[in-house]
C-alpha atoms as a PDB file:
ATOM      1  CA  UNK A   1     -34.509   9.417 -17.500  1.00  0.00           C
ATOM      2  CA  UNK A   2     -35.504  10.789 -20.901  1.00  0.00           C
ATOM      3  CA  UNK A   3     -39.218  11.015 -21.585  1.00  0.00           C
ATOM      4  CA  UNK A   4     -40.842  12.042 -24.808  1.00  0.00           C
ATOM      5  CA  UNK A   5     -44.256  13.688 -24.941  1.00  0.00           C
ATOM      6  CA  UNK A   6     -46.644  11.512 -26.919  1.00  0.00           C
ATOM      7  CA  UNK A   7     -50.290  11.621 -27.904  1.00  0.00           C
ATOM      8  CA  UNK A   8     -52.908   9.368 -26.274  1.00  0.00           C
ATOM      9  CA  UNK A   9     -52.677   6.879 -29.133  1.00  0.00           C
ATOM     10  CA  UNK A  10     -49.005   6.354 -28.357  1.00  0.00           C
ATOM     11  CA  UNK A  11     -49.401   6.280 -24.567  1.00  0.00           C
ATOM     12  CA  UNK A  12     -48.982   2.509 -24.413  1.00  0.00           C
ATOM     13  CA  UNK A  13     -45.871   2.716 -26.612  1.00  0.00           C
ATOM     14  CA  UNK A  14     -44.534   5.482 -24.356  1.00  0.00           C
ATOM     15  CA  UNK A  15     -44.689   3.291 -21.246  1.00  0.00           C
ATOM     16  CA  UNK A  16     -42.865   0.485 -23.084  1.00  0.00           C
ATOM     17  CA  UNK A  17     -40.120   2.892 -24.189  1.00  0.00           C
ATOM     18  CA  UNK A  18     -39.892   4.274 -20.657  1.00  0.00           C
ATOM     19  CA  UNK A  19     -39.444   0.776 -19.213  1.00  0.00           C
ATOM     20  CA  UNK A  20     -36.748  -0.023 -21.773  1.00  0.00           C
ATOM     21  CA  UNK A  21     -34.836   3.156 -20.877  1.00  0.00           C
ATOM     22  CA  UNK A  22     -35.053   2.321 -17.149  1.00  0.00           C
ATOM     23  CA  UNK A  23     -33.741  -1.198 -17.837  1.00  0.00           C
ATOM     24  CA  UNK A  24     -30.818   0.217 -19.834  1.00  0.00           C
ATOM     25  CA  UNK A  25     -29.971   2.599 -16.974  1.00  0.00           C
ATOM     26  CA  UNK A  26     -30.049  -0.261 -14.476  1.00  0.00           C
ATOM     27  CA  UNK A  27     -27.936  -2.504 -16.733  1.00  0.00           C
ATOM     28  CA  UNK A  28     -25.165   0.133 -16.820  1.00  0.00           C
ATOM     29  CA  UNK A  29     -24.377  -0.795 -13.210  1.00  0.00           C
ATOM     30  CA  UNK A  30     -21.612  -3.324 -13.566  1.00  0.00           C
ATOM     31  CA  UNK A  31     -22.080  -5.500 -10.538  1.00  0.00           C
ATOM     32  CA  UNK A  32     -20.835  -8.093 -10.594  1.00  0.00           C
ATOM     33  CA  UNK A  33     -18.297  -6.877 -13.126  1.00  0.00           C
ATOM     34  CA  UNK A  34     -17.279  -9.281 -15.882  1.00  0.00           C
ATOM     35  CA  UNK A  35     -13.773 -10.729 -15.610  1.00  0.00           C
ATOM     36  CA  UNK A  36     -12.706  -8.585 -18.560  1.00  0.00           C
ATOM     37  CA  UNK A  37     -13.201  -5.553 -16.248  1.00  0.00           C
ATOM     38  CA  UNK A  38     -12.425  -7.039 -12.830  1.00  0.00           C
ATOM     39  CA  UNK A  39      -9.085  -8.368 -14.124  1.00  0.00           C
ATOM     40  CA  UNK A  40      -7.749  -4.860 -13.406  1.00  0.00           C
ATOM     41  CA  UNK A  41      -8.687  -5.315  -9.752  1.00  0.00           C
ATOM     42  CA  UNK A  42      -7.113  -8.775  -9.710  1.00  0.00           C
ATOM     43  CA  UNK A  43      -3.945  -7.145 -11.064  1.00  0.00           C
ATOM     44  CA  UNK A  44      -4.028  -4.253  -8.584  1.00  0.00           C
ATOM     45  CA  UNK A  45      -4.672  -6.673  -5.709  1.00  0.00           C
ATOM     46  CA  UNK A  46      -1.324  -8.244  -6.542  1.00  0.00           C
ATOM     47  CA  UNK A  47       0.333  -4.909  -5.706  1.00  0.00           C
ATOM     48  CA  UNK A  48      -0.049  -5.982  -2.047  1.00  0.00           C
ATOM     49  CA  UNK A  49       2.634  -8.598  -2.719  1.00  0.00           C
ATOM     50  CA  UNK A  50       5.264  -5.837  -2.971  1.00  0.00           C
ATOM     51  CA  UNK A  51       4.865  -4.788   0.701  1.00  0.00           C
ATOM     52  CA  UNK A  52       4.616  -8.455   1.621  1.00  0.00           C
ATOM     53  CA  UNK A  53       7.938  -9.217  -0.057  1.00  0.00           C
ATOM     54  CA  UNK A  54       9.527  -6.101   1.483  1.00  0.00           C
ATOM     55  CA  UNK A  55       8.300  -7.232   4.921  1.00  0.00           C
ATOM     56  CA  UNK A  56       9.661 -10.765   4.524  1.00  0.00           C
ATOM     57  CA  UNK A  57      13.029  -9.482   3.290  1.00  0.00           C
ATOM     58  CA  UNK A  58      13.267  -7.316   6.412  1.00  0.00           C
ATOM     59  CA  UNK A  59      12.134 -10.111   8.779  1.00  0.00           C
ATOM     60  CA  UNK A  60       8.750  -8.513   9.514  1.00  0.00           C
ATOM     61  CA  UNK A  61       7.010 -11.863   9.190  1.00  0.00           C
ATOM     62  CA  UNK A  62       3.703 -11.034  10.872  1.00  0.00           C
ATOM     63  CA  UNK A  63       3.033  -7.992   8.700  1.00  0.00           C
ATOM     64  CA  UNK A  64       4.243  -9.945   5.636  1.00  0.00           C
ATOM     65  CA  UNK A  65       1.696 -12.665   6.340  1.00  0.00           C
ATOM     66  CA  UNK A  66      -1.036 -10.036   6.789  1.00  0.00           C
ATOM     67  CA  UNK A  67      -0.228  -8.543   3.357  1.00  0.00           C
ATOM     68  CA  UNK A  68      -0.043 -11.987   1.751  1.00  0.00           C
ATOM     69  CA  UNK A  69      -3.443 -12.992   3.135  1.00  0.00           C
ATOM     70  CA  UNK A  70      -4.915  -9.666   2.039  1.00  0.00           C
ATOM     71  CA  UNK A  71      -3.587 -10.294  -1.473  1.00  0.00           C
ATOM     72  CA  UNK A  72      -4.927 -13.841  -1.577  1.00  0.00           C
ATOM     73  CA  UNK A  73      -8.423 -12.925  -0.371  1.00  0.00           C
ATOM     74  CA  UNK A  74      -8.641  -9.911  -2.676  1.00  0.00           C
ATOM     75  CA  UNK A  75      -7.539 -11.889  -5.736  1.00  0.00           C
ATOM     76  CA  UNK A  76      -9.942 -14.738  -4.927  1.00  0.00           C
ATOM     77  CA  UNK A  77     -12.794 -12.235  -4.665  1.00  0.00           C
ATOM     78  CA  UNK A  78     -12.009 -10.233  -7.820  1.00  0.00           C
ATOM     79  CA  UNK A  79     -11.405 -13.269 -10.056  1.00  0.00           C
ATOM     80  CA  UNK A  80     -15.130 -13.953  -9.851  1.00  0.00           C
ATOM     81  CA  UNK A  81     -16.572 -10.876  -8.212  1.00  0.00           C
ATOM     82  CA  UNK A  82     -20.038 -11.308  -6.821  1.00  0.00           C
ATOM     83  CA  UNK A  83     -21.860 -10.592  -3.617  1.00  0.00           C
ATOM     84  CA  UNK A  84     -21.496 -13.515  -1.281  1.00  0.00           C
ATOM     85  CA  UNK A  85     -19.097 -15.357   0.985  1.00  0.00           C
ATOM     86  CA  UNK A  86     -15.897 -14.504  -0.924  1.00  0.00           C
ATOM     87  CA  UNK A  87     -16.784 -10.813  -0.866  1.00  0.00           C
ATOM     88  CA  UNK A  88     -17.489 -10.958   2.894  1.00  0.00           C
ATOM     89  CA  UNK A  89     -14.187 -12.750   3.547  1.00  0.00           C
ATOM     90  CA  UNK A  90     -12.328 -10.201   1.397  1.00  0.00           C
ATOM     91  CA  UNK A  91     -13.923  -7.270   3.228  1.00  0.00           C
ATOM     92  CA  UNK A  92     -13.235  -8.839   6.616  1.00  0.00           C
ATOM     93  CA  UNK A  93      -9.591  -9.547   5.729  1.00  0.00           C
ATOM     94  CA  UNK A  94      -9.139  -6.059   4.277  1.00  0.00           C
ATOM     95  CA  UNK A  95     -10.689  -4.463   7.373  1.00  0.00           C
ATOM     96  CA  UNK A  96      -8.440  -6.428   9.730  1.00  0.00           C
ATOM     97  CA  UNK A  97      -5.434  -5.567   7.569  1.00  0.00           C
ATOM     98  CA  UNK A  98      -6.401  -1.879   7.630  1.00  0.00           C
ATOM     99  CA  UNK A  99      -6.648  -1.863  11.430  1.00  0.00           C
ATOM    100  CA  UNK A 100      -3.300  -3.671  11.817  1.00  0.00           C
ATOM    101  CA  UNK A 101      -1.509  -1.328   9.417  1.00  0.00           C
ATOM    102  CA  UNK A 102      -3.207   1.772  10.822  1.00  0.00           C
ATOM    103  CA  UNK A 103      -2.245   0.907  14.407  1.00  0.00           C
ATOM    104  CA  UNK A 104       1.270  -0.070  13.345  1.00  0.00           C
ATOM    105  CA  UNK A 105       1.553   3.203  11.454  1.00  0.00           C
ATOM    106  CA  UNK A 106       0.488   5.163  14.520  1.00  0.00           C
ATOM    107  CA  UNK A 107       3.176   3.393  16.551  1.00  0.00           C
ATOM    108  CA  UNK A 108       6.087   3.608  14.108  1.00  0.00           C
ATOM    109  CA  UNK A 109       5.593   6.397  11.576  1.00  0.00           C
ATOM    110  CA  UNK A 110       7.644   9.195  13.113  1.00  0.00           C
ATOM    111  CA  UNK A 111       8.997  12.427  11.754  1.00  0.00           C
ATOM    112  CA  UNK A 112       7.182  15.204   9.973  1.00  0.00           C
ATOM    113  CA  UNK A 113       7.984  14.010   6.444  1.00  0.00           C
ATOM    114  CA  UNK A 114       6.903  10.380   6.946  1.00  0.00           C
ATOM    115  CA  UNK A 115       3.828  11.454   8.884  1.00  0.00           C
ATOM    116  CA  UNK A 116       2.826  13.997   6.212  1.00  0.00           C
ATOM    117  CA  UNK A 117       3.286  11.490   3.384  1.00  0.00           C
ATOM    118  CA  UNK A 118       1.377   8.876   5.376  1.00  0.00           C
ATOM    119  CA  UNK A 119      -1.483  11.227   6.159  1.00  0.00           C
ATOM    120  CA  UNK A 120      -1.765  12.312   2.525  1.00  0.00           C
ATOM    121  CA  UNK A 121      -1.733   8.646   1.480  1.00  0.00           C
ATOM    122  CA  UNK A 122      -4.519   7.754   3.917  1.00  0.00           C
ATOM    123  CA  UNK A 123      -6.625  10.662   2.665  1.00  0.00           C
ATOM    124  CA  UNK A 124      -6.093   9.655  -0.984  1.00  0.00           C
ATOM    125  CA  UNK A 125      -6.728   5.991  -0.185  1.00  0.00           C
ATOM    126  CA  UNK A 126     -10.000   6.685   1.622  1.00  0.00           C
ATOM    127  CA  UNK A 127     -11.068   9.175  -1.068  1.00  0.00           C
ATOM    128  CA  UNK A 128     -10.566   6.585  -3.794  1.00  0.00           C
ATOM    129  CA  UNK A 129     -12.447   3.980  -1.756  1.00  0.00           C
ATOM    130  CA  UNK A 130     -15.331   6.414  -1.214  1.00  0.00           C
ATOM    131  CA  UNK A 131     -15.400   7.427  -4.888  1.00  0.00           C
ATOM    132  CA  UNK A 132     -15.371   3.808  -6.080  1.00  0.00           C
ATOM    133  CA  UNK A 133     -18.486   3.111  -4.003  1.00  0.00           C
ATOM    134  CA  UNK A 134     -20.088   6.399  -5.046  1.00  0.00           C
ATOM    135  CA  UNK A 135     -19.465   5.674  -8.755  1.00  0.00           C
ATOM    136  CA  UNK A 136     -20.835   2.150  -8.394  1.00  0.00           C
ATOM    137  CA  UNK A 137     -23.944   3.481  -6.639  1.00  0.00           C
ATOM    138  CA  UNK A 138     -24.719   5.887  -9.489  1.00  0.00           C
ATOM    139  CA  UNK A 139     -24.023   3.237 -12.118  1.00  0.00           C
ATOM    140  CA  UNK A 140     -20.789   4.642 -13.508  1.00  0.00           C
ATOM    141  CA  UNK A 141     -18.262   2.187 -14.900  1.00  0.00           C
ATOM    142  CA  UNK A 142     -15.516   4.483 -13.584  1.00  0.00           C
ATOM    143  CA  UNK A 143     -15.800   2.842 -10.162  1.00  0.00           C
ATOM    144  CA  UNK A 144     -13.229   0.256 -11.233  1.00  0.00           C
ATOM    145  CA  UNK A 145     -10.614   2.966 -11.879  1.00  0.00           C
ATOM    146  CA  UNK A 146     -11.158   4.451  -8.431  1.00  0.00           C
ATOM    147  CA  UNK A 147     -10.921   1.026  -6.826  1.00  0.00           C
ATOM    148  CA  UNK A 148      -7.746   0.321  -8.801  1.00  0.00           C
ATOM    149  CA  UNK A 149      -6.258   3.573  -7.426  1.00  0.00           C
ATOM    150  CA  UNK A 150      -7.451   2.600  -3.956  1.00  0.00           C
ATOM    151  CA  UNK A 151      -5.413  -0.619  -4.229  1.00  0.00           C
ATOM    152  CA  UNK A 152      -2.363   1.375  -5.368  1.00  0.00           C
ATOM    153  CA  UNK A 153      -2.597   3.732  -2.381  1.00  0.00           C
ATOM    154  CA  UNK A 154      -3.114   0.815   0.021  1.00  0.00           C
ATOM    155  CA  UNK A 155       0.077  -0.839  -1.239  1.00  0.00           C
ATOM    156  CA  UNK A 156       2.021   2.434  -0.954  1.00  0.00           C
ATOM    157  CA  UNK A 157       0.764   3.001   2.586  1.00  0.00           C
ATOM    158  CA  UNK A 158       1.732  -0.546   3.524  1.00  0.00           C
ATOM    159  CA  UNK A 159       5.247   0.082   2.183  1.00  0.00           C
ATOM    160  CA  UNK A 160       5.505   3.297   4.191  1.00  0.00           C
ATOM    161  CA  UNK A 161       4.464   1.565   7.431  1.00  0.00           C
ATOM    162  CA  UNK A 162       6.900  -1.319   6.883  1.00  0.00           C
ATOM    163  CA  UNK A 163       9.669   1.170   6.051  1.00  0.00           C
ATOM    164  CA  UNK A 164       8.961   2.989   9.329  1.00  0.00           C
ATOM    165  CA  UNK A 165       8.983  -0.303  11.257  1.00  0.00           C
ATOM    166  CA  UNK A 166      12.282  -1.409   9.750  1.00  0.00           C
ATOM    167  CA  UNK A 167      13.952   1.949  10.392  1.00  0.00           C
ATOM    168  CA  UNK A 168      12.737   2.042  13.990  1.00  0.00           C
ATOM    169  CA  UNK A 169      14.461  -1.294  14.591  1.00  0.00           C
ATOM    170  CA  UNK A 170      11.264  -3.208  15.368  1.00  0.00           C
ATOM    171  CA  UNK A 171      10.762  -6.588  13.765  1.00  0.00           C
ATOM    172  CA  UNK A 172       7.747  -8.821  14.368  1.00  0.00           C
END
């Protein structure tokens, strides 16, 4: 916070200016973000439809349904992002999806190349997730870009896991 040294006559004015600066700092935190900003997260949530389609094409119906539900819940949340029931449902769905994909990845991602790409993807995905929350906590509007990248890495990881499933001959 910026403070300016003032004389005693301006002490009252100084406290008013200080309060205004604090309010401006707090208002820079964009939560809930307006639709003009969260539309990017609505768009990136739709990236989960690519793995879903890939799963359905390859008869991996369970994992396709998981990706479709993840997409639906994420889009519903980001269309009108706010803390509440939709956010809790989105987080719950995303967490369940993460566990399903993570366990499926452990079972089917074989070979040094696929494993290395998958591990790098998980690290990048979790880093973007962490940074989006860190940026939001400090009031930076850049949190949306990190969360957008998080969605991209999630979709890529989902594709990798489905690819590994299909090439191992397992369909469920």
